[in-house]
């Protein structure tokens, strides 16, 4: 029996190293954010992964308020 799963780009799972590159932070800081629950993770065995939409939510929730308008 063949099982095919088609994941759209928004369903792709990111590793800590991917998050570090996207946010321009160290890999250690990316792991820390994931461990502290700042960025929601998915557990696959002992591995942790992050959905793109959860990373986007983290970025949106950490935007500073607009000033001067």
Protein backbone atom coordinates (compact mmCIF):
# COMPACT_ATOMS: atom_id res chain seq x y z
CA UNK A 1 0.00 0.00 0.00
CA UNK A 2 1.42 3.34 -1.08
CA UNK A 3 0.84 6.44 1.01
CA UNK A 4 1.40 9.86 -0.53
CA UNK A 5 1.32 13.04 1.48
CA UNK A 6 1.45 16.37 -0.30
CA UNK A 7 2.51 19.15 2.01
CA UNK A 8 2.04 22.70 0.86
CA UNK A 9 4.80 25.19 1.54
CA UNK A 10 2.93 26.51 4.60
CA UNK A 11 2.86 22.98 6.04
CA UNK A 12 6.63 22.48 5.81
CA UNK A 13 8.42 21.86 9.08
CA UNK A 14 11.47 23.88 10.05
CA UNK A 15 14.51 22.84 12.09
CA UNK A 16 16.20 25.11 14.62
CA UNK A 17 18.93 25.87 12.07
CA UNK A 18 16.26 27.02 9.59
CA UNK A 19 14.68 29.27 12.22
CA UNK A 20 18.09 30.69 13.10
CA UNK A 21 18.72 31.63 9.46
CA UNK A 22 15.26 33.15 8.99
CA UNK A 23 15.42 35.23 12.19
CA UNK A 24 19.14 35.99 11.87
CA UNK A 25 19.87 34.60 15.34
CA UNK A 26 22.16 31.85 16.60
CA UNK A 27 21.05 28.23 16.47
CA UNK A 28 21.37 28.11 20.27
CA UNK A 29 18.94 31.03 20.58
CA UNK A 30 16.51 29.29 18.21
CA UNK A 31 16.65 26.15 20.38
CA UNK A 32 16.11 28.28 23.48
CA UNK A 33 13.00 29.93 22.02
CA UNK A 34 11.65 26.50 21.10
CA UNK A 35 12.43 25.00 24.54
CA UNK A 36 10.87 27.94 26.39
CA UNK A 37 7.69 27.59 24.36
CA UNK A 38 8.06 31.01 22.76
CA UNK A 39 7.76 29.27 19.39
CA UNK A 40 5.31 26.35 19.23
CA UNK A 41 6.91 23.06 18.24
CA UNK A 42 5.93 19.65 16.95
CA UNK A 43 7.66 16.61 18.47
CA UNK A 44 8.73 13.81 16.18
CA UNK A 45 10.38 11.33 18.51
CA UNK A 46 13.07 13.39 20.19
CA UNK A 47 13.26 15.89 17.31
CA UNK A 48 11.50 19.24 17.48
CA UNK A 49 10.17 21.00 14.41
CA UNK A 50 8.27 24.24 13.84
CA UNK A 51 5.47 24.92 11.37
CA UNK A 52 5.98 28.01 9.22
CA UNK A 53 2.67 29.46 10.45
CA UNK A 54 3.83 29.11 14.08
CA UNK A 55 7.05 30.97 13.27
CA UNK A 56 5.01 33.68 11.54
CA UNK A 57 2.78 33.95 14.61
CA UNK A 58 5.86 34.36 16.82
CA UNK A 59 7.18 37.15 14.59
CA UNK A 60 3.80 38.92 14.49
CA UNK A 61 3.40 38.73 18.27
CA UNK A 62 6.84 40.29 18.77
CA UNK A 63 6.44 43.28 16.49
CA UNK A 64 6.92 46.59 18.23
CA UNK A 65 3.98 48.98 18.02
CA UNK A 66 3.95 51.59 15.25
CA UNK A 67 5.04 55.03 16.39
CA UNK A 68 4.70 58.46 14.87
CA UNK A 69 1.51 57.93 12.90
